Amino acid sequence: MLRFSFVRFLLAAVLLTASSLKGELLLAASPIDREIFMYAVVLAEVAFAAWLFSGRFPALAWWAAVCVFSVFATVAASETLQGKDNCGCFGVIATPPYVALAVDLAALVLLVLSRDVRFRDSGSTQMTAISNPTVVAQCSFVWRQTPSAIGYSLVLKQAKADVSFR
């Protein structure tokens, strides 16, 4: 059985790698080209990786990881459908969005495989195992929005193609 303690270290390492490569890209850019949003993304990834490394509140960390990597997968799928060559997910390393999508889906699979671990928060009583219907119910919002995001990206791609022909 796959344990969340292993998965959280693996995901934290991926997040730290991605954030450090994005940080390197930010430092190489001129001050005018730097975006505040990218600073926020880098800081959020570092903070989330630190939380995963800490092992605090594992049940909440598991749910947060499912949500974060679901959003990452949705963005990568949207960029794949838009036909982008580089998603920027790994900063200075040019990565096609379908590779980032594969990494995000692999992370979600690992999280689902580690879902039935009984989590224990520090100082609290043991929580019950997370059941499969609960996972589906909690993630349904993200998964219901995925087709909308994909459809929106297709509309944008078509609109861009229409404008370029005029």
Protein backbone atom coordinates (compact mmCIF):
# COMPACT_ATOMS: atom_id res chain seq x y z
CA MET A 1 0.00 0.00 0.00
CA LEU A 2 1.24 3.45 -0.93
CA ARG A 3 1.61 5.74 2.05
CA PHE A 4 0.85 9.45 2.00
CA SER A 5 4.07 10.15 3.92
CA PHE A 6 6.03 9.04 0.83
CA VAL A 7 3.72 10.81 -1.63
CA ARG A 8 3.86 14.11 0.25
CA PHE A 9 7.69 14.14 0.14
CA LEU A 10 7.64 13.37 -3.58
CA LEU A 11 5.09 16.11 -4.34
CA ALA A 12 6.95 18.61 -2.15
CA ALA A 13 10.15 17.88 -4.08
CA VAL A 14 8.34 18.46 -7.39
CA LEU A 15 6.88 21.75 -6.10
CA LEU A 16 10.26 22.96 -4.80
CA THR A 17 11.90 22.08 -8.10
CA ALA A 18 9.24 23.93 -10.09
CA SER A 19 9.33 26.98 -7.82
CA SER A 20 13.12 27.22 -7.86
CA LEU A 21 13.18 27.02 -11.67
CA LYS A 22 10.49 29.71 -11.87
CA GLY A 23 12.45 31.81 -9.39
CA GLU A 24 15.53 31.50 -11.56
CA LEU A 25 13.49 32.69 -14.53
CA LEU A 26 12.22 35.66 -12.52
CA LEU A 27 15.72 36.63 -11.45
CA ALA A 28 16.97 36.46 -15.04
CA ALA A 29 14.17 38.76 -16.30
CA SER A 30 14.47 42.50 -16.26
CA PRO A 31 12.59 44.27 -13.45
CA ILE A 32 10.02 45.58 -15.91
CA ASP A 33 9.20 42.07 -17.19
CA ARG A 34 8.69 40.60 -13.72
CA GLU A 35 5.10 39.92 -12.81
CA ILE A 36 3.75 40.12 -9.27
CA PHE A 37 1.58 37.10 -10.01
CA MET A 38 4.65 34.95 -10.72
CA TYR A 39 6.19 35.98 -7.39
CA ALA A 40 2.97 34.93 -5.69
CA VAL A 41 2.99 31.57 -7.51
CA VAL A 42 6.59 30.89 -6.50
CA LEU A 43 5.94 31.82 -2.87
CA ALA A 44 2.74 29.75 -2.75
CA GLU A 45 4.54 26.71 -4.17
CA VAL A 46 7.36 27.05 -1.64
CA ALA A 47 4.90 27.48 1.24
CA PHE A 48 2.84 24.48 0.15
CA ALA A 49 5.97 22.36 -0.27
CA ALA A 50 7.10 23.37 3.23
CA TRP A 51 3.72 22.31 4.61
CA LEU A 52 3.96 18.95 2.85
CA PHE A 53 7.50 18.43 4.18
CA SER A 54 6.40 19.34 7.72
CA GLY A 55 3.83 16.56 7.94
CA ARG A 56 1.43 18.77 9.89
CA PHE A 57 -2.29 18.15 9.45
CA PRO A 58 -1.88 15.30 6.94
CA ALA A 59 -5.60 14.91 6.17
CA LEU A 60 -5.93 18.58 5.30
CA ALA A 61 -2.64 18.49 3.37
CA TRP A 62 -3.96 15.54 1.35
CA TRP A 63 -7.13 17.43 0.41
CA ALA A 64 -5.17 20.58 -0.41
CA ALA A 65 -2.78 18.58 -2.61
CA VAL A 66 -5.71 17.05 -4.50
CA CYS A 67 -7.16 20.51 -5.11
CA VAL A 68 -3.82 22.09 -6.07
CA PHE A 69 -2.83 19.38 -8.52
CA SER A 70 -6.36 19.32 -9.97
CA VAL A 71 -6.05 23.03 -10.72
CA PHE A 72 -2.56 22.47 -12.17
CA ALA A 73 -3.92 19.67 -14.38
CA THR A 74 -6.80 21.85 -15.57
CA VAL A 75 -4.44 24.68 -16.51
CA ALA A 76 -2.05 22.28 -18.27
CA ALA A 77 -4.93 20.67 -20.19
CA SER A 78 -6.18 24.10 -21.25
CA GLU A 79 -2.73 25.13 -22.45
CA THR A 80 -2.30 21.83 -24.28
CA LEU A 81 -5.56 22.40 -26.14
CA GLN A 82 -4.50 25.96 -26.97
CA GLY A 83 -1.42 24.49 -28.66
CA LYS A 84 1.16 26.28 -26.54
CA ASP A 85 4.77 25.10 -26.85
CA ASN A 86 5.81 25.99 -23.31
CA CYS A 87 3.59 26.18 -20.25
CA GLY A 88 6.20 27.81 -18.00
CA CYS A 89 5.48 25.29 -15.26
CA PHE A 90 9.17 24.56 -14.77
CA GLY A 91 10.55 28.04 -15.33
CA VAL A 92 13.79 28.07 -17.30
CA ILE A 93 13.24 24.53 -18.58
CA ALA A 94 10.92 24.76 -21.58
CA THR A 95 8.26 22.16 -20.87
CA PRO A 96 5.38 21.32 -23.19
CA PRO A 97 2.04 21.55 -21.37
CA TYR A 98 1.23 17.89 -22.07
CA VAL A 99 4.30 16.90 -20.01
CA ALA A 100 3.10 19.07 -17.13
CA LEU A 101 -0.36 17.52 -17.53
CA ALA A 102 1.17 14.04 -17.28
CA VAL A 103 3.06 15.05 -14.11
CA ASP A 104 -0.10 16.53 -12.56
CA LEU A 105 -2.22 13.48 -13.42
CA ALA A 106 0.48 11.18 -12.02
CA ALA A 107 0.43 13.23 -8.81
CA LEU A 108 -3.35 12.86 -8.61
CA VAL A 109 -3.11 9.10 -9.16
CA LEU A 110 -0.52 8.85 -6.36
CA LEU A 111 -2.75 10.90 -4.09
CA VAL A 112 -5.77 8.72 -4.81
CA LEU A 113 -3.72 5.56 -4.19
CA SER A 114 -2.64 6.95 -0.82
CA ARG A 115 -6.13 8.14 0.16
CA ASP A 116 -7.13 5.30 2.48
CA VAL A 117 -4.31 5.92 4.92
CA ARG A 118 -5.65 6.76 8.34
CA PHE A 119 -4.43 10.27 9.00
CA ARG A 120 -3.54 11.46 12.47
CA ASP A 121 -3.36 15.15 13.22
CA SER A 122 -1.03 16.09 16.03
CA GLY A 123 -2.87 16.02 19.34
CA SER A 124 -6.21 14.90 17.90
CA THR A 125 -7.99 11.60 17.72
CA GLN A 126 -7.57 9.36 14.74
CA MET A 127 -9.67 10.25 11.73
CA THR A 128 -11.49 7.63 9.72
CA ALA A 129 -10.23 6.51 6.35
CA ILE A 130 -11.26 8.62 3.40
CA SER A 131 -13.70 6.66 1.30
CA ASN A 132 -13.97 6.69 -2.45
CA PRO A 133 -17.41 8.41 -2.63
CA THR A 134 -16.09 11.19 -0.42
CA VAL A 135 -13.15 11.79 -2.73
CA VAL A 136 -15.48 11.98 -5.72
CA ALA A 137 -17.87 14.34 -3.92
CA GLN A 138 -15.15 16.72 -2.73
CA CYS A 139 -13.35 16.86 -6.07
CA SER A 140 -16.50 17.12 -8.16
CA PHE A 141 -16.39 20.91 -8.23
CA VAL A 142 -12.91 20.95 -9.80
CA TRP A 143 -13.76 18.17 -12.25
CA ARG A 144 -17.04 19.84 -13.25
CA GLN A 145 -15.13 23.01 -14.09
CA THR A 146 -12.54 21.21 -16.25
CA PRO A 147 -14.82 20.89 -19.32
CA SER A 148 -15.68 24.59 -18.99
CA ALA A 149 -12.02 25.54 -18.92
CA ILE A 150 -11.27 23.31 -21.89
CA GLY A 151 -14.22 24.70 -23.83
CA TYR A 152 -13.17 28.25 -23.02
CA SER A 153 -9.63 27.56 -24.24
CA LEU A 154 -11.00 26.15 -27.50
CA VAL A 155 -13.15 29.26 -28.00
CA LEU A 156 -10.11 31.46 -27.38
CA LYS A 157 -8.03 29.41 -29.80
CA GLN A 158 -10.71 29.72 -32.50
CA ALA A 159 -11.10 33.45 -31.86
CA LYS A 160 -7.35 33.92 -32.17
CA ALA A 161 -7.35 31.97 -35.47
CA ASP A 162 -10.26 34.09 -36.78
CA VAL A 163 -8.49 37.34 -35.92
CA SER A 164 -5.23 36.25 -37.60
CA PHE A 165 -7.00 35.63 -40.93
CA ARG A 166 -8.52 39.13 -41.10
